[in-house]
Amino acid sequence: MVYVLASAAALCSAVAGILQRIGIETAPADDAMHLRLLTHALKRGVWVLGFVLLLGTFGLQATALRFGDLTVVQPVLTTEILFLIAILAVVFHRRVGRPEIFGALAIVGGLTAFIAAAHPADVKVIPGTHAWVLVTLVVVVAAVILSVAAQSGPRWWRATAFGAAAGALFAYNASLTKAATTLITGGWSHVFGHWEPYGIAVSGAAGFFLLQNALHAGPIAASRATMLMMNPVASVLIGAFVFREHLRSGAAFVVIEVIGLAVMLTGAFVLTQSPMVAGAALEGGQGELLGRPAVAHG
């Protein structure tokens, strides 16, 4: 059930990303890192629909984290790029070539190898204050540095940096969600008596804002590539070192885990850089989706 829920979350995220990219790409360039960007987006029905799907994504992800490990659920979300490829092929009539086939096989094979070798075991550990302070500091510093770096440079670089920052915050948000779902056993009053739910709201809003800047800054391929790679790597590290989720530690298992994760991330990178995704398929936005001529923006 955990894998089904995580895969469903990945599908919702892929559709939401496309709809929000279509809805936000027409915003003026100087709206970046300003609330005007969201004001513009809220006026676009297609963006609002994407936002609703994003809420559905969070619900599915939270449910998956309630019953599964952080080190399993977050890597499975990488399959979002597979759903993105399928949508581009069916809706945008893009041809699936060798890069797409190779990338898809690498993601599936790498993910399977990682989970089979790691065999994560959830021990229901709620991190202490020291662990939370440390991971919060690391994530916030990384997100700030990446956001500052995204203020200049070519469009693909700005989208990449914003995407990486959003990925780090989403991994942190998932860890807080995991902790909150563990607290549910004591009742909702017990949950809201802790700081984690409020941390979820703040980190989720910050990650969402950076994601919109990533979608606005440049090609969806660039932002999705770094976000999809940053999120699972950060989540696995947080799961293993903060939540003490047990991963098999024998030398052979560790090698397979590292290789599996590397193959999975390589597949995601290949897919986001393939002509099918990195090309003009989404650059035309809603116009191309509806069959009208594509319109270039900035």
Protein backbone atom coordinates (compact mmCIF):
# COMPACT_ATOMS: atom_id res chain seq x y z
CA MET A 1 0.00 0.00 0.00
CA VAL A 2 2.88 2.37 0.78
CA TYR A 3 4.24 2.03 -2.76
CA VAL A 4 0.80 2.65 -4.29
CA LEU A 5 0.27 5.78 -2.19
CA ALA A 6 3.75 7.12 -2.96
CA SER A 7 3.31 6.42 -6.69
CA ALA A 8 -0.08 8.15 -6.68
CA ALA A 9 1.57 11.16 -5.00
CA ALA A 10 4.22 11.16 -7.73
CA LEU A 11 1.52 11.17 -10.44
CA CYS A 12 -0.35 14.07 -8.81
CA SER A 13 2.90 16.00 -8.46
CA ALA A 14 3.77 15.53 -12.14
CA VAL A 15 0.38 16.82 -13.30
CA ALA A 16 0.48 19.67 -10.78
CA GLY A 17 3.95 20.69 -11.96
CA ILE A 18 2.84 20.92 -15.58
CA LEU A 19 -0.32 22.89 -14.78
CA GLN A 20 1.52 25.31 -12.53
CA ARG A 21 4.29 25.79 -15.08
CA ILE A 22 1.65 26.68 -17.67
CA GLY A 23 -0.06 29.05 -15.24
CA ILE A 24 3.02 30.89 -14.06
CA GLU A 25 5.24 31.18 -17.14
CA THR A 26 3.50 34.37 -18.35
CA ALA A 27 4.39 36.29 -15.16
CA PRO A 28 6.81 39.23 -15.67
CA ALA A 29 10.46 38.36 -15.10
CA ASP A 30 10.84 40.91 -12.29
CA ASP A 31 8.14 39.14 -10.25
CA ALA A 32 10.71 36.53 -9.18
CA MET A 33 11.09 36.23 -5.37
CA HIS A 34 8.11 38.57 -4.86
CA LEU A 35 4.59 37.75 -3.69
CA ARG A 36 3.43 39.33 -6.97
CA LEU A 37 4.39 36.02 -8.55
CA LEU A 38 1.73 34.20 -6.54
CA THR A 39 -0.77 37.01 -7.11
CA HIS A 40 -0.30 36.54 -10.84
CA ALA A 41 -0.61 32.76 -10.51
CA LEU A 42 -3.85 32.92 -8.51
CA LYS A 43 -5.51 34.68 -11.44
CA ARG A 44 -4.86 31.68 -13.69
CA GLY A 45 -7.36 28.86 -13.38
CA VAL A 46 -4.91 26.26 -14.65
CA TRP A 47 -2.46 27.19 -11.88
CA VAL A 48 -5.18 26.94 -9.21
CA LEU A 49 -6.04 23.46 -10.48
CA GLY A 50 -2.38 22.54 -10.17
CA PHE A 51 -2.37 23.87 -6.60
CA VAL A 52 -5.36 21.68 -5.70
CA LEU A 53 -3.52 18.64 -7.08
CA LEU A 54 -0.46 19.67 -5.05
CA LEU A 55 -2.59 19.53 -1.90
CA GLY A 56 -3.68 16.05 -2.97
CA THR A 57 -0.03 15.13 -3.41
CA PHE A 58 0.71 16.16 0.17
CA GLY A 59 -2.22 14.13 1.48
CA LEU A 60 -1.09 10.99 -0.35
CA GLN A 61 2.53 11.50 0.70
CA ALA A 62 1.58 12.05 4.35
CA THR A 63 -0.50 8.87 4.35
CA ALA A 64 2.37 6.92 2.79
CA LEU A 65 4.76 8.31 5.43
CA ARG A 66 2.29 7.32 8.16
CA PHE A 67 2.70 3.67 7.21
CA GLY A 68 6.12 3.63 5.52
CA ASP A 69 9.70 4.77 5.89
CA LEU A 70 11.11 8.11 4.83
CA THR A 71 13.91 6.21 3.08
CA VAL A 72 11.31 4.38 0.95
CA VAL A 73 8.55 6.92 0.28
CA GLN A 74 10.78 9.79 -0.85
CA PRO A 75 12.85 7.80 -3.39
CA VAL A 76 9.61 6.38 -4.85
CA LEU A 77 8.47 9.96 -5.49
CA THR A 78 11.27 10.14 -8.06
CA THR A 79 8.95 8.18 -10.35
CA GLU A 80 7.22 11.52 -10.90
CA ILE A 81 9.49 12.00 -13.90
CA LEU A 82 8.14 8.77 -15.43
CA PHE A 83 4.62 10.14 -15.21
CA LEU A 84 5.85 13.41 -16.69
CA ILE A 85 7.25 11.50 -19.67
CA ALA A 86 3.95 9.65 -20.12
CA ILE A 87 2.00 12.93 -20.04
CA LEU A 88 4.31 14.51 -22.61
CA ALA A 89 3.92 11.48 -24.86
CA VAL A 90 0.12 11.27 -24.62
CA VAL A 91 -0.94 14.93 -24.29
CA PHE A 92 1.87 16.70 -26.15
CA HIS A 93 2.39 13.85 -28.64
CA ARG A 94 6.14 13.72 -28.05
CA ARG A 95 8.04 10.70 -29.37
CA VAL A 96 9.59 8.38 -26.80
CA GLY A 97 13.17 7.65 -27.84
CA ARG A 98 16.19 5.80 -26.48
CA PRO A 99 17.08 8.39 -23.80
CA GLU A 100 13.58 8.14 -22.35
CA ILE A 101 13.63 4.32 -22.40
CA PHE A 102 17.10 4.23 -20.81
CA GLY A 103 16.13 6.79 -18.16
CA ALA A 104 12.92 4.96 -17.26
CA LEU A 105 14.69 1.60 -16.94
CA ALA A 106 17.45 3.20 -14.85
CA ILE A 107 14.94 4.73 -12.43
CA VAL A 108 12.96 1.53 -12.00
CA GLY A 109 16.05 -0.68 -11.79
CA GLY A 110 17.98 1.64 -9.47
CA LEU A 111 15.01 2.17 -7.17
CA THR A 112 14.31 -1.56 -6.99
CA ALA A 113 17.95 -2.36 -6.23
CA PHE A 114 18.15 0.32 -3.51
CA ILE A 115 15.00 -0.79 -1.70
CA ALA A 116 15.83 -4.50 -2.01
CA ALA A 117 19.37 -4.01 -0.68
CA ALA A 118 18.53 -1.45 2.01
CA HIS A 119 15.40 -3.24 3.25
CA PRO A 120 14.55 -0.22 5.45
CA ALA A 121 13.05 -0.91 8.87
CA ASP A 122 10.98 1.82 10.52
CA VAL A 123 11.78 1.98 14.23
CA LYS A 124 9.32 4.83 15.03
CA VAL A 125 11.97 7.14 16.46
CA ILE A 126 11.04 10.80 16.99
CA PRO A 127 14.20 12.91 16.72
CA GLY A 128 15.31 14.90 19.74
CA THR A 129 15.81 18.65 19.92
CA HIS A 130 19.52 18.50 19.11
CA ALA A 131 18.90 16.49 15.92
CA TRP A 132 16.13 18.84 14.78
CA VAL A 133 18.21 21.95 15.39
CA LEU A 134 21.09 20.50 13.39
CA VAL A 135 19.03 19.33 10.40
CA THR A 136 17.01 22.57 10.39
CA LEU A 137 20.18 24.66 10.34
CA VAL A 138 21.71 22.64 7.49
CA VAL A 139 18.55 22.79 5.36
CA VAL A 140 17.92 26.51 5.91
CA VAL A 141 21.52 27.47 5.14
CA ALA A 142 21.52 25.32 1.98
CA ALA A 143 18.19 26.78 0.80
CA VAL A 144 19.35 30.36 1.40
CA ILE A 145 22.65 29.85 -0.44
CA LEU A 146 20.88 28.24 -3.41
CA SER A 147 18.22 30.97 -3.51
CA VAL A 148 20.88 33.69 -3.53
CA ALA A 149 22.76 31.85 -6.28
CA ALA A 150 19.54 31.74 -8.31
CA GLN A 151 19.30 35.53 -8.48
CA SER A 152 21.61 35.74 -11.49
CA GLY A 153 22.77 33.68 -14.43
CA PRO A 154 21.02 32.04 -17.39
CA ARG A 155 17.44 30.79 -17.09
CA TRP A 156 18.42 27.13 -16.83
CA TRP A 157 20.78 27.91 -13.92
CA ARG A 158 18.19 29.94 -12.03
CA ALA A 159 15.62 27.16 -12.45
CA THR A 160 18.21 24.59 -11.34
CA ALA A 161 19.21 26.48 -8.19
CA PHE A 162 15.64 27.25 -7.18
CA GLY A 163 14.70 23.61 -7.84
CA ALA A 164 17.50 22.35 -5.60
CA ALA A 165 16.46 24.73 -2.81
CA ALA A 166 12.84 23.59 -3.10
CA GLY A 167 13.96 19.94 -3.07
CA ALA A 168 15.90 20.43 0.17
CA LEU A 169 12.91 22.09 1.85
CA PHE A 170 10.50 19.41 0.61
CA ALA A 171 12.76 16.69 2.04
CA TYR A 172 12.78 18.55 5.36
CA ASN A 173 9.01 18.99 5.13
CA ALA A 174 8.61 15.24 4.57
CA SER A 175 10.69 14.50 7.67
CA LEU A 176 8.45 16.78 9.76
CA THR A 177 5.38 15.12 8.25
CA LYS A 178 6.80 11.72 9.18
CA ALA A 179 7.28 12.90 12.77
CA ALA A 180 3.78 14.37 12.92
CA THR A 181 2.16 11.15 11.66
CA THR A 182 3.96 9.29 14.42
CA LEU A 183 2.51 11.70 17.00
CA ILE A 184 -1.06 11.00 15.80
CA THR A 185 -1.22 7.92 18.01
CA GLY A 186 -1.64 10.33 20.94
CA GLY A 187 -4.57 12.16 19.30
CA TRP A 188 -4.79 15.43 17.38
CA SER A 189 -4.50 17.57 20.50
CA HIS A 190 -1.23 15.77 21.18
CA VAL A 191 -0.04 16.48 17.63
CA PHE A 192 -0.75 20.23 17.76
CA GLY A 193 0.89 20.43 21.14
CA HIS A 194 4.23 19.90 19.38
CA TRP A 195 6.08 22.22 17.00
CA GLU A 196 6.26 19.83 14.03
CA PRO A 197 2.84 20.70 12.47
CA TYR A 198 3.75 24.39 12.46
CA GLY A 199 7.15 23.54 11.00
CA ILE A 200 5.32 21.63 8.24
CA ALA A 201 3.30 24.75 7.39
CA VAL A 202 6.32 27.06 7.31
CA SER A 203 8.67 24.74 5.40
CA GLY A 204 5.88 23.72 3.02
CA ALA A 205 5.04 27.35 2.23
CA ALA A 206 8.72 28.21 1.74
CA GLY A 207 9.31 25.18 -0.48
CA PHE A 208 6.17 25.93 -2.47
CA PHE A 209 7.26 29.54 -3.01
CA LEU A 210 10.70 28.45 -4.21
CA LEU A 211 9.10 25.85 -6.50
CA GLN A 212 6.99 28.56 -8.14
CA ASN A 213 10.15 30.62 -8.66
CA ALA A 214 11.84 27.56 -10.18
CA LEU A 215 8.94 27.02 -12.59
CA HIS A 216 8.93 30.71 -13.46
CA ALA A 217 12.70 31.02 -13.84
CA GLY A 218 13.25 28.56 -16.67
CA PRO A 219 12.59 25.16 -18.28
CA ILE A 220 10.65 22.65 -16.20
CA ALA A 221 13.37 20.10 -17.01
CA ALA A 222 16.02 22.07 -15.15
CA SER A 223 13.97 22.66 -12.00
CA ARG A 224 12.54 19.12 -11.89
CA ALA A 225 15.97 17.54 -12.38
CA THR A 226 17.56 19.09 -9.30
CA MET A 227 14.42 18.91 -7.18
CA LEU A 228 13.91 15.22 -7.93
CA MET A 229 17.55 14.46 -7.12
CA MET A 230 17.91 16.65 -4.04
CA ASN A 231 14.70 15.42 -2.41
CA PRO A 232 15.42 11.64 -2.20
CA VAL A 233 19.11 12.05 -1.32
CA ALA A 234 18.35 14.49 1.51
CA SER A 235 15.44 12.31 2.67
CA VAL A 236 17.55 9.16 2.81
CA LEU A 237 20.19 10.99 4.86
CA ILE A 238 17.60 12.42 7.24
CA GLY A 239 15.84 9.06 7.53
CA ALA A 240 19.05 7.18 8.28
CA PHE A 241 20.79 9.65 10.58
CA VAL A 242 17.90 11.53 12.21
CA PHE A 243 15.07 8.99 12.35
CA ARG A 244 17.45 6.03 12.74
CA GLU A 245 15.64 4.10 10.03
CA HIS A 246 17.69 0.94 9.76
CA LEU A 247 19.35 0.25 6.41
CA ARG A 248 21.27 -2.97 5.97
CA SER A 249 24.89 -2.08 6.66
CA GLY A 250 26.92 -5.00 5.33
CA ALA A 251 29.62 -3.95 2.85
CA ALA A 252 27.91 -5.66 -0.09
CA PHE A 253 24.52 -4.16 0.80
CA VAL A 254 25.94 -0.64 1.18
CA VAL A 255 27.62 -0.89 -2.24
CA ILE A 256 24.36 -2.01 -3.87
CA GLU A 257 22.42 0.73 -2.06
CA VAL A 258 24.81 3.44 -3.25
CA ILE A 259 24.90 2.09 -6.80
CA GLY A 260 21.12 1.69 -6.90
CA LEU A 261 20.58 5.26 -5.72
CA ALA A 262 23.18 6.56 -8.19
CA VAL A 263 21.56 4.65 -11.08
CA MET A 264 18.12 5.96 -10.10
CA LEU A 265 19.33 9.56 -9.97
CA THR A 266 21.22 9.14 -13.25
CA GLY A 267 18.02 7.90 -14.87
CA ALA A 268 16.11 10.93 -13.55
CA PHE A 269 18.81 13.26 -14.85
CA VAL A 270 18.86 11.60 -18.29
CA LEU A 271 15.09 11.91 -18.55
CA THR A 272 14.98 15.57 -17.60
CA GLN A 273 17.74 16.34 -20.10
CA SER A 274 16.26 14.25 -22.91
CA PRO A 275 15.00 16.11 -26.01
CA MET A 276 11.48 15.08 -25.09
CA VAL A 277 11.49 16.89 -21.74
CA ALA A 278 14.17 19.52 -22.14
CA GLY A 279 12.89 20.63 -25.52
CA ALA A 280 10.08 23.03 -26.26
CA ALA A 281 7.25 20.71 -25.24
CA LEU A 282 6.30 22.80 -22.23
CA GLU A 283 7.80 26.08 -23.28
CA GLY A 284 4.70 26.82 -25.32
CA GLY A 285 2.63 26.43 -22.18
CA GLN A 286 -1.12 26.34 -22.35
CA GLY A 287 -1.15 27.40 -25.99
CA GLU A 288 0.54 24.21 -27.12
CA LEU A 289 -1.49 22.10 -24.69
CA LEU A 290 -4.67 23.37 -26.29
CA GLY A 291 -3.34 22.97 -29.80
CA ARG A 292 -2.60 26.63 -30.44
CA PRO A 293 0.80 27.87 -31.65
CA ALA A 294 3.44 28.12 -28.96
CA VAL A 295 4.31 31.56 -27.68
CA ALA A 296 7.82 32.28 -26.47
CA HIS A 297 8.30 34.04 -23.15
CA GLY A 298 11.43 35.89 -22.17
